[in-house]
Structure formats: C-alpha cells, structure tokens
Amino acid sequence: MVKSENNSIRPITQITSKHWQLFLEADPSKKIVADYLKQADKFELVDGTNLLGEILLVETSPQTLEIVNLAVIKNRRNQGLGEQLLSFAQEYAQRKNYRFLEIGTGSTSFTQLYLYQKFGFRVTDVIHDFFVDNYDEPIIENKLVLKDMIRLKKELP
C-alpha cells in the first residue's frame, strides 16, 4: 500500500459497481475490460473508504508492464491523482524488475497525452483505426471521432 496525504493505493480485493464505472470511463468496452481484468494486477486509490481512482497493470513481456486502464473520479481530476497513480505504477514496475512501462491512449485524449508525456512517456507507435476496428460503437471525444491509438513507453531507471 502506498500513502500520500490522506490517500492510499491498495490492491482491489473486490470489484464493485464503482470500480466498473471507472473502468468503463477509461475504456468503454465492457468485453475488453473484462478480458484484461482476468490477468491484471488491480489497484485502487482511496481516501479512507472513498474510491478516488484505479489502475490496472498487465505484463506484456518479461521486461514490460502495461497500464491498461487508469481513471480518476470526475470531481477529483486535475488534482494530481493521475500522477499519483502513474508514480505508483512506476514504483511497482521497478520493484518487480520491469525495464519498461507502457500505455496506450486515444489520439483525441489530449489531457491524457499531455499527462503521460509530462510523466516521461514517449510516443512509440500509432495503431491506425484501432478504435474503429475493436469497438462496436463510435467513440466521440473532444468533439472528434476517436480512430487511432497512440502507444507510449517509458524506460525505467
């Protein structure tokens, strides 16, 4: 468990409807979320008993840990909680001897792209039409149709 001020990050022991709400804010496909939940290391950011955010981590290779889902509740965004979750993911990956931390996000996810690059992630790839090919319904974000996934990677110290 990692603590900062009154917040702590701890393993998710039971997935609730509040967790699902956050998972689906980060990724609107219940099927895709359910698939990676089976293999993810799952953590929640809480303030006492209040859920503030979550992060799901999946090993994609012996050297790489991927953040497959990260979300903070709406009324607590832009307060450093996303950075707290990213710091936790980096510390966790280092403790587990991973060399890289990866994340994918939408090409229209401007706030997330800024945060990840501010945190030291670098763009490594663009997967064209990822969201068109893998999601049943169009995703509209920042008044744009989301089509492409931006892949980012950070080499760990």
N, C-alpha and C. Protein backbone atom coordinates (compact mmCIF):
# COMPACT_ATOMS: atom_id res chain seq x y z
N MET A 1 0.84 -1.18 0.00
CA MET A 1 0.00 0.00 0.00
C MET A 1 0.89 1.24 0.00
N VAL A 2 0.58 2.21 -0.88
CA VAL A 2 1.30 3.47 -0.97
C VAL A 2 0.41 4.56 -0.42
N LYS A 3 0.97 5.44 0.43
CA LYS A 3 0.18 6.51 1.01
C LYS A 3 0.74 7.86 0.59
N SER A 4 -0.15 8.82 0.39
CA SER A 4 0.20 10.19 0.12
C SER A 4 -0.90 11.05 0.71
N GLU A 5 -0.54 11.94 1.62
CA GLU A 5 -1.52 12.74 2.36
C GLU A 5 -2.53 11.77 3.00
N ASN A 6 -3.80 11.93 2.70
CA ASN A 6 -4.81 11.02 3.25
C ASN A 6 -5.16 9.90 2.28
N ASN A 7 -4.54 9.91 1.10
CA ASN A 7 -4.85 8.92 0.08
C ASN A 7 -3.93 7.71 0.21
N SER A 8 -4.45 6.57 -0.19
CA SER A 8 -3.61 5.37 -0.24
C SER A 8 -3.99 4.57 -1.48
N ILE A 9 -3.01 3.82 -1.98
CA ILE A 9 -3.22 2.92 -3.11
C ILE A 9 -3.06 1.52 -2.57
N ARG A 10 -4.08 0.70 -2.84
CA ARG A 10 -4.06 -0.66 -2.31
C ARG A 10 -4.64 -1.60 -3.36
N PRO A 11 -4.35 -2.90 -3.24
CA PRO A 11 -4.93 -3.87 -4.17
C PRO A 11 -6.45 -3.85 -4.09
N ILE A 12 -7.10 -4.04 -5.22
CA ILE A 12 -8.55 -4.19 -5.24
C ILE A 12 -8.85 -5.64 -4.86
N THR A 13 -9.58 -5.81 -3.78
CA THR A 13 -9.91 -7.16 -3.33
C THR A 13 -11.28 -7.61 -3.83
N GLN A 14 -12.16 -6.66 -4.08
CA GLN A 14 -13.48 -6.98 -4.63
C GLN A 14 -13.89 -5.86 -5.57
N ILE A 15 -14.21 -6.22 -6.81
CA ILE A 15 -14.60 -5.23 -7.80
C ILE A 15 -16.07 -4.87 -7.59
N THR A 16 -16.32 -3.58 -7.43
CA THR A 16 -17.67 -3.07 -7.17
C THR A 16 -18.20 -2.35 -8.41
N SER A 17 -19.44 -1.92 -8.33
CA SER A 17 -20.02 -1.15 -9.43
C SER A 17 -19.28 0.19 -9.61
N LYS A 18 -18.75 0.75 -8.53
CA LYS A 18 -17.98 2.00 -8.64
C LYS A 18 -16.68 1.76 -9.41
N HIS A 19 -16.05 0.61 -9.18
CA HIS A 19 -14.86 0.26 -9.97
C HIS A 19 -15.23 0.16 -11.45
N TRP A 20 -16.31 -0.56 -11.72
CA TRP A 20 -16.75 -0.73 -13.12
C TRP A 20 -17.02 0.61 -13.78
N GLN A 21 -17.61 1.52 -13.05
CA GLN A 21 -17.89 2.85 -13.61
C GLN A 21 -16.58 3.51 -14.05
N LEU A 22 -15.56 3.42 -13.21
CA LEU A 22 -14.26 4.00 -13.57
C LEU A 22 -13.60 3.24 -14.72
N PHE A 23 -13.62 1.90 -14.67
CA PHE A 23 -13.03 1.11 -15.75
C PHE A 23 -13.62 1.53 -17.09
N LEU A 24 -14.95 1.69 -17.13
CA LEU A 24 -15.63 1.99 -18.38
C LEU A 24 -15.49 3.44 -18.81
N GLU A 25 -15.13 4.32 -17.89
CA GLU A 25 -14.80 5.69 -18.29
C GLU A 25 -13.47 5.70 -19.04
N ALA A 26 -12.56 4.85 -18.62
CA ALA A 26 -11.25 4.78 -19.28
C ALA A 26 -11.32 3.96 -20.56
N ASP A 27 -12.20 2.97 -20.60
CA ASP A 27 -12.33 2.08 -21.76
C ASP A 27 -13.80 1.67 -21.85
N PRO A 28 -14.55 2.16 -22.84
CA PRO A 28 -15.99 1.93 -22.87
C PRO A 28 -16.44 0.52 -23.26
N SER A 29 -15.52 -0.39 -23.54
CA SER A 29 -15.91 -1.75 -23.91
C SER A 29 -15.87 -2.67 -22.70
N LYS A 30 -17.05 -3.09 -22.23
CA LYS A 30 -17.13 -3.99 -21.08
C LYS A 30 -16.42 -5.31 -21.39
N LYS A 31 -16.52 -5.78 -22.62
CA LYS A 31 -15.88 -7.04 -23.01
C LYS A 31 -14.35 -6.92 -22.94
N ILE A 32 -13.81 -5.85 -23.48
CA ILE A 32 -12.35 -5.66 -23.45
C ILE A 32 -11.86 -5.51 -22.02
N VAL A 33 -12.57 -4.73 -21.21
CA VAL A 33 -12.19 -4.56 -19.80
C VAL A 33 -12.24 -5.91 -19.09
N ALA A 34 -13.30 -6.67 -19.30
CA ALA A 34 -13.43 -7.98 -18.64
C ALA A 34 -12.28 -8.90 -19.04
N ASP A 35 -11.85 -8.83 -20.29
CA ASP A 35 -10.73 -9.66 -20.74
C ASP A 35 -9.43 -9.32 -20.02
N TYR A 36 -9.10 -8.02 -19.92
CA TYR A 36 -7.83 -7.73 -19.26
C TYR A 36 -7.93 -7.76 -17.74
N LEU A 37 -9.13 -7.69 -17.18
CA LEU A 37 -9.28 -7.84 -15.72
C LEU A 37 -8.83 -9.22 -15.25
N LYS A 38 -8.98 -10.22 -16.11
CA LYS A 38 -8.60 -11.60 -15.75
C LYS A 38 -7.12 -11.72 -15.45
N GLN A 39 -6.29 -10.90 -16.09
CA GLN A 39 -4.85 -11.04 -15.92
C GLN A 39 -4.19 -9.83 -15.25
N ALA A 40 -4.96 -8.79 -14.97
CA ALA A 40 -4.38 -7.55 -14.46
C ALA A 40 -4.11 -7.60 -12.96
N ASP A 41 -3.06 -6.88 -12.57
CA ASP A 41 -2.86 -6.52 -11.17
C ASP A 41 -3.71 -5.26 -10.97
N LYS A 42 -4.63 -5.29 -10.02
CA LYS A 42 -5.66 -4.27 -9.87
C LYS A 42 -5.43 -3.47 -8.57
N PHE A 43 -5.44 -2.15 -8.71
CA PHE A 43 -5.22 -1.28 -7.56
C PHE A 43 -6.23 -0.14 -7.56
N GLU A 44 -6.56 0.30 -6.34
CA GLU A 44 -7.48 1.43 -6.19
C GLU A 44 -6.81 2.53 -5.36
N LEU A 45 -7.15 3.75 -5.69
CA LEU A 45 -6.73 4.92 -4.94
C LEU A 45 -7.92 5.34 -4.10
N VAL A 46 -7.73 5.37 -2.80
CA VAL A 46 -8.82 5.69 -1.89
C VAL A 46 -8.41 6.79 -0.91
N ASP A 47 -9.42 7.48 -0.42
CA ASP A 47 -9.27 8.45 0.66
C ASP A 47 -10.15 7.90 1.78
N GLY A 48 -9.56 7.14 2.67
CA GLY A 48 -10.35 6.43 3.68
C GLY A 48 -11.10 5.31 2.99
N THR A 49 -12.43 5.45 2.91
CA THR A 49 -13.24 4.43 2.25
C THR A 49 -13.77 4.90 0.89
N ASN A 50 -13.45 6.14 0.49
CA ASN A 50 -13.95 6.69 -0.77
C ASN A 50 -13.03 6.34 -1.93
N LEU A 51 -13.59 5.74 -2.97
CA LEU A 51 -12.83 5.41 -4.17
C LEU A 51 -12.59 6.69 -4.96
N LEU A 52 -11.30 6.97 -5.24
CA LEU A 52 -10.92 8.16 -6.00
C LEU A 52 -10.44 7.81 -7.40
N GLY A 53 -9.84 6.62 -7.54
CA GLY A 53 -9.29 6.25 -8.83
C GLY A 53 -8.86 4.80 -8.83
N GLU A 54 -8.41 4.35 -10.01
CA GLU A 54 -7.97 2.96 -10.14
C GLU A 54 -6.92 2.86 -11.23
N ILE A 55 -6.16 1.78 -11.16
CA ILE A 55 -5.17 1.49 -12.19
C ILE A 55 -5.05 -0.03 -12.34
N LEU A 56 -4.99 -0.48 -13.59
CA LEU A 56 -4.85 -1.90 -13.90
C LEU A 56 -3.56 -2.09 -14.67
N LEU A 57 -2.76 -3.07 -14.26
CA LEU A 57 -1.44 -3.31 -14.84
C LEU A 57 -1.34 -4.74 -15.35
N VAL A 58 -0.79 -4.90 -16.56
CA VAL A 58 -0.66 -6.22 -17.17
C VAL A 58 0.75 -6.37 -17.71
N GLU A 59 1.36 -7.51 -17.43
CA GLU A 59 2.67 -7.83 -18.02
C GLU A 59 2.46 -8.18 -19.49
N THR A 60 3.17 -7.48 -20.37
CA THR A 60 3.06 -7.77 -21.81
C THR A 60 4.30 -8.49 -22.34
N SER A 61 5.37 -8.45 -21.56
CA SER A 61 6.59 -9.22 -21.86
C SER A 61 7.36 -9.30 -20.55
N PRO A 62 8.39 -10.15 -20.49
CA PRO A 62 9.15 -10.24 -19.23
C PRO A 62 9.78 -8.91 -18.79
N GLN A 63 9.96 -7.98 -19.73
CA GLN A 63 10.57 -6.70 -19.38
C GLN A 63 9.59 -5.54 -19.32
N THR A 64 8.32 -5.79 -19.67
CA THR A 64 7.38 -4.68 -19.85
C THR A 64 6.08 -4.88 -19.08
N LEU A 65 5.70 -3.82 -18.37
CA LEU A 65 4.42 -3.76 -17.68
C LEU A 65 3.60 -2.67 -18.37
N GLU A 66 2.34 -2.99 -18.70
CA GLU A 66 1.49 -2.02 -19.37
C GLU A 66 0.37 -1.56 -18.45
N ILE A 67 0.13 -0.26 -18.45
CA ILE A 67 -1.03 0.31 -17.79
C ILE A 67 -2.17 0.16 -18.80
N VAL A 68 -3.12 -0.72 -18.51
CA VAL A 68 -4.20 -0.97 -19.45
C VAL A 68 -5.47 -0.18 -19.10
N ASN A 69 -5.52 0.39 -17.91
CA ASN A 69 -6.68 1.17 -17.51
C ASN A 69 -6.27 2.06 -16.35
N LEU A 70 -6.62 3.33 -16.45
CA LEU A 70 -6.33 4.30 -15.39
C LEU A 70 -7.45 5.32 -15.41
N ALA A 71 -8.06 5.56 -14.26
CA ALA A 71 -9.14 6.56 -14.20
C ALA A 71 -9.20 7.16 -12.81
N VAL A 72 -9.64 8.41 -12.78
CA VAL A 72 -9.87 9.16 -11.55
C VAL A 72 -11.31 9.68 -11.62
N ILE A 73 -12.01 9.67 -10.47
CA ILE A 73 -13.39 10.16 -10.47
C ILE A 73 -13.43 11.61 -10.95
N LYS A 74 -14.54 11.97 -11.60
CA LYS A 74 -14.64 13.26 -12.29
C LYS A 74 -14.37 14.46 -11.39
N ASN A 75 -14.93 14.48 -10.19
CA ASN A 75 -14.80 15.68 -9.35
C ASN A 75 -13.43 15.80 -8.68
N ARG A 76 -12.53 14.84 -8.93
CA ARG A 76 -11.17 14.91 -8.36
C ARG A 76 -10.08 14.94 -9.43
N ARG A 77 -10.47 15.15 -10.68
CA ARG A 77 -9.48 15.22 -11.75
C ARG A 77 -8.72 16.53 -11.69
N ASN A 78 -7.53 16.53 -12.28
CA ASN A 78 -6.65 17.71 -12.32
C ASN A 78 -6.21 18.16 -10.93
N GLN A 79 -6.05 17.18 -10.04
CA GLN A 79 -5.59 17.46 -8.68
C GLN A 79 -4.36 16.61 -8.33
N GLY A 80 -3.71 16.03 -9.34
CA GLY A 80 -2.50 15.25 -9.10
C GLY A 80 -2.73 13.78 -8.82
N LEU A 81 -3.98 13.32 -8.84
CA LEU A 81 -4.25 11.92 -8.52
C LEU A 81 -3.79 10.99 -9.66
N GLY A 82 -3.93 11.43 -10.90
CA GLY A 82 -3.43 10.64 -12.02
C GLY A 82 -1.92 10.47 -11.94
N GLU A 83 -1.23 11.53 -11.57
CA GLU A 83 0.23 11.46 -11.39
C GLU A 83 0.57 10.52 -10.24
N GLN A 84 -0.24 10.54 -9.18
CA GLN A 84 0.00 9.64 -8.06
C GLN A 84 -0.12 8.19 -8.52
N LEU A 85 -1.12 7.89 -9.33
CA LEU A 85 -1.29 6.53 -9.86
C LEU A 85 -0.15 6.15 -10.80
N LEU A 86 0.31 7.09 -11.63
CA LEU A 86 1.44 6.82 -12.52
C LEU A 86 2.71 6.57 -11.72
N SER A 87 2.93 7.35 -10.68
CA SER A 87 4.10 7.13 -9.81
C SER A 87 4.05 5.76 -9.16
N PHE A 88 2.85 5.39 -8.71
CA PHE A 88 2.68 4.07 -8.12
C PHE A 88 3.03 2.99 -9.15
N ALA A 89 2.53 3.12 -10.37
CA ALA A 89 2.79 2.13 -11.42
C ALA A 89 4.29 2.02 -11.68
N GLN A 90 4.97 3.13 -11.72
CA GLN A 90 6.42 3.10 -11.95
C GLN A 90 7.14 2.42 -10.80
N GLU A 91 6.81 2.76 -9.57
CA GLU A 91 7.45 2.13 -8.41
C GLU A 91 7.16 0.63 -8.38
N TYR A 92 5.93 0.26 -8.67
CA TYR A 92 5.53 -1.15 -8.70
C TYR A 92 6.33 -1.90 -9.76
N ALA A 93 6.43 -1.31 -10.95
CA ALA A 93 7.18 -1.95 -12.05
C ALA A 93 8.65 -2.10 -11.68
N GLN A 94 9.22 -1.10 -11.06
CA GLN A 94 10.63 -1.18 -10.65
C GLN A 94 10.84 -2.27 -9.60
N ARG A 95 9.93 -2.35 -8.63
CA ARG A 95 10.03 -3.39 -7.60
C ARG A 95 9.97 -4.79 -8.22
N LYS A 96 9.21 -4.93 -9.29
CA LYS A 96 9.03 -6.21 -9.96
C LYS A 96 10.08 -6.43 -11.06
N ASN A 97 11.06 -5.53 -11.13
CA ASN A 97 12.19 -5.62 -12.07
C ASN A 97 11.81 -5.52 -13.55
N TYR A 98 10.77 -4.76 -13.86
CA TYR A 98 10.46 -4.47 -15.25
C TYR A 98 11.39 -3.36 -15.75
N ARG A 99 11.65 -3.38 -17.02
CA ARG A 99 12.53 -2.37 -17.62
C ARG A 99 11.74 -1.24 -18.28
N PHE A 100 10.49 -1.55 -18.69
CA PHE A 100 9.67 -0.57 -19.39
C PHE A 100 8.26 -0.53 -18.83
N LEU A 101 7.68 0.65 -18.91
CA LEU A 101 6.27 0.86 -18.59
C LEU A 101 5.63 1.41 -19.85
N GLU A 102 4.50 0.82 -20.27
CA GLU A 102 3.82 1.24 -21.48
C GLU A 102 2.39 1.64 -21.18
N ILE A 103 1.83 2.42 -22.10
CA ILE A 103 0.42 2.79 -22.01
C ILE A 103 -0.07 3.13 -23.42
N GLY A 104 -1.34 2.87 -23.66
CA GLY A 104 -1.96 3.26 -24.91
C GLY A 104 -3.13 4.17 -24.61
N THR A 105 -3.36 5.15 -25.48
CA THR A 105 -4.49 6.06 -25.28
C THR A 105 -4.99 6.52 -26.64
N GLY A 106 -6.12 7.16 -26.63
CA GLY A 106 -6.71 7.63 -27.87
C GLY A 106 -6.00 8.86 -28.41
N SER A 107 -6.00 8.97 -29.74
CA SER A 107 -5.38 10.13 -30.38
C SER A 107 -6.12 11.43 -30.07
N THR A 108 -7.36 11.33 -29.60
CA THR A 108 -8.13 12.51 -29.22
C THR A 108 -8.14 12.74 -27.70
N SER A 109 -7.36 11.96 -26.97
CA SER A 109 -7.28 12.06 -25.50
C SER A 109 -6.19 13.07 -25.12
N PHE A 110 -6.45 14.33 -25.40
CA PHE A 110 -5.43 15.37 -25.28
C PHE A 110 -4.90 15.52 -23.85
N THR A 111 -5.79 15.51 -22.87
CA THR A 111 -5.37 15.66 -21.47
C THR A 111 -4.48 14.50 -21.04
N GLN A 112 -4.88 13.27 -21.42
CA GLN A 112 -4.10 12.10 -21.06
C GLN A 112 -2.74 12.10 -21.76
N LEU A 113 -2.72 12.46 -23.04
CA LEU A 113 -1.46 12.52 -23.78
C LEU A 113 -0.50 13.51 -23.13
N TYR A 114 -1.02 14.65 -22.71
CA TYR A 114 -0.19 15.64 -22.03
C TYR A 114 0.38 15.06 -20.72
N LEU A 115 -0.50 14.44 -19.92
CA LEU A 115 -0.07 13.88 -18.63
C LEU A 115 1.01 12.83 -18.83
N TYR A 116 0.81 11.89 -19.75
CA TYR A 116 1.76 10.81 -19.94
C TYR A 116 3.11 11.33 -20.41
N GLN A 117 3.10 12.30 -21.32
CA GLN A 117 4.37 12.86 -21.79
C GLN A 117 5.05 13.69 -20.71
N LYS A 118 4.26 14.40 -19.93
CA LYS A 118 4.80 15.16 -18.79
C LYS A 118 5.49 14.21 -17.81
N PHE A 119 4.94 13.00 -17.69
CA PHE A 119 5.48 11.99 -16.78
C PHE A 119 6.68 11.24 -17.36
N GLY A 120 7.05 11.53 -18.60
CA GLY A 120 8.24 10.92 -19.19
C GLY A 120 8.00 9.84 -20.23
N PHE A 121 6.73 9.57 -20.55
CA PHE A 121 6.44 8.61 -21.60
C PHE A 121 6.73 9.25 -22.95
N ARG A 122 7.20 8.43 -23.90
CA ARG A 122 7.46 8.89 -25.27
C ARG A 122 6.59 8.09 -26.23
N VAL A 123 6.11 8.76 -27.26
CA VAL A 123 5.31 8.10 -28.28
C VAL A 123 6.19 7.11 -29.04
N THR A 124 5.70 5.87 -29.16
CA THR A 124 6.46 4.84 -29.88
C THR A 124 5.74 4.34 -31.12
N ASP A 125 4.41 4.51 -31.17
CA ASP A 125 3.67 3.92 -32.27
C ASP A 125 2.28 4.53 -32.34
N VAL A 126 1.69 4.46 -33.53
CA VAL A 126 0.29 4.80 -33.72
C VAL A 126 -0.37 3.58 -34.35
N ILE A 127 -1.43 3.10 -33.74
CA ILE A 127 -2.18 1.98 -34.31
C ILE A 127 -3.41 2.58 -34.98
N HIS A 128 -3.34 2.69 -36.30
CA HIS A 128 -4.41 3.31 -37.07
C HIS A 128 -5.69 2.48 -36.99
N ASP A 129 -6.81 3.17 -36.81
CA ASP A 129 -8.15 2.57 -36.79
C ASP A 129 -8.37 1.56 -35.67
N PHE A 130 -7.55 1.59 -34.63
CA PHE A 130 -7.71 0.65 -33.51
C PHE A 130 -9.12 0.71 -32.93
N PHE A 131 -9.60 1.91 -32.67
CA PHE A 131 -10.91 2.05 -32.02
C PHE A 131 -12.06 1.80 -32.99
N VAL A 132 -11.84 2.02 -34.26
CA VAL A 132 -12.84 1.70 -35.28
C VAL A 132 -12.97 0.18 -35.42
N ASP A 133 -11.83 -0.51 -35.43
CA ASP A 133 -11.81 -1.96 -35.64
C ASP A 133 -12.20 -2.78 -34.41
N ASN A 134 -12.02 -2.23 -33.20
CA ASN A 134 -12.19 -3.04 -31.99
C ASN A 134 -13.37 -2.65 -31.11
N TYR A 135 -14.10 -1.62 -31.47
CA TYR A 135 -15.23 -1.17 -30.66
C TYR A 135 -16.49 -1.14 -31.52
N ASP A 136 -17.61 -1.59 -30.95
CA ASP A 136 -18.86 -1.69 -31.69
C ASP A 136 -19.47 -0.34 -32.02
N GLU A 137 -19.33 0.61 -31.13
CA GLU A 137 -19.91 1.94 -31.32
C GLU A 137 -18.80 2.98 -31.49
N PRO A 138 -19.04 4.01 -32.29
CA PRO A 138 -18.06 5.09 -32.39
C PRO A 138 -17.85 5.76 -31.03
N ILE A 139 -16.63 6.17 -30.76
CA ILE A 139 -16.30 6.88 -29.53
C ILE A 139 -16.04 8.33 -29.92
N ILE A 140 -16.78 9.24 -29.30
CA ILE A 140 -16.61 10.66 -29.55
C ILE A 140 -15.90 11.26 -28.34
N GLU A 141 -14.79 11.91 -28.60
CA GLU A 141 -14.01 12.51 -27.50
C GLU A 141 -13.50 13.86 -27.98
N ASN A 142 -13.71 14.88 -27.17
CA ASN A 142 -13.32 16.24 -27.55
C ASN A 142 -13.91 16.63 -28.90
N LYS A 143 -15.16 16.21 -29.13
CA LYS A 143 -15.93 16.51 -30.33
C LYS A 143 -15.32 15.91 -31.61
N LEU A 144 -14.49 14.88 -31.44
CA LEU A 144 -13.87 14.19 -32.57
C LEU A 144 -14.17 12.70 -32.47
N VAL A 145 -14.28 12.04 -33.61
CA VAL A 145 -14.43 10.58 -33.62
C VAL A 145 -13.06 9.99 -33.36
N LEU A 146 -12.97 9.17 -32.33
CA LEU A 146 -11.71 8.52 -31.97
C LEU A 146 -11.47 7.34 -32.91
N LYS A 147 -10.32 7.35 -33.57
CA LYS A 147 -9.98 6.28 -34.51
C LYS A 147 -8.68 5.57 -34.11
N ASP A 148 -7.65 6.33 -33.79
CA ASP A 148 -6.31 5.77 -33.64
C ASP A 148 -5.86 5.71 -32.18
N MET A 149 -5.06 4.68 -31.89
CA MET A 149 -4.43 4.55 -30.57
C MET A 149 -3.00 5.06 -30.65
N ILE A 150 -2.62 5.84 -29.67
CA ILE A 150 -1.24 6.30 -29.52
C ILE A 150 -0.60 5.42 -28.46
N ARG A 151 0.51 4.76 -28.79
CA ARG A 151 1.25 3.92 -27.85
C ARG A 151 2.44 4.74 -27.32
N LEU A 152 2.63 4.67 -26.00
CA LEU A 152 3.72 5.39 -25.34
C LEU A 152 4.50 4.44 -24.46
N LYS A 153 5.77 4.74 -24.27
CA LYS A 153 6.63 3.87 -23.46
C LYS A 153 7.58 4.74 -22.63
N LYS A 154 7.91 4.23 -21.46
CA LYS A 154 8.89 4.90 -20.59
C LYS A 154 9.90 3.85 -20.14
N GLU A 155 11.17 4.15 -20.35
CA GLU A 155 12.22 3.27 -19.83
C GLU A 155 12.41 3.63 -18.37
N LEU A 156 12.45 2.60 -17.53
CA LEU A 156 12.54 2.83 -16.08
C LEU A 156 14.00 2.94 -15.65
N PRO A 157 14.25 3.81 -14.67
CA PRO A 157 15.63 3.97 -14.18
C PRO A 157 16.12 2.72 -13.43
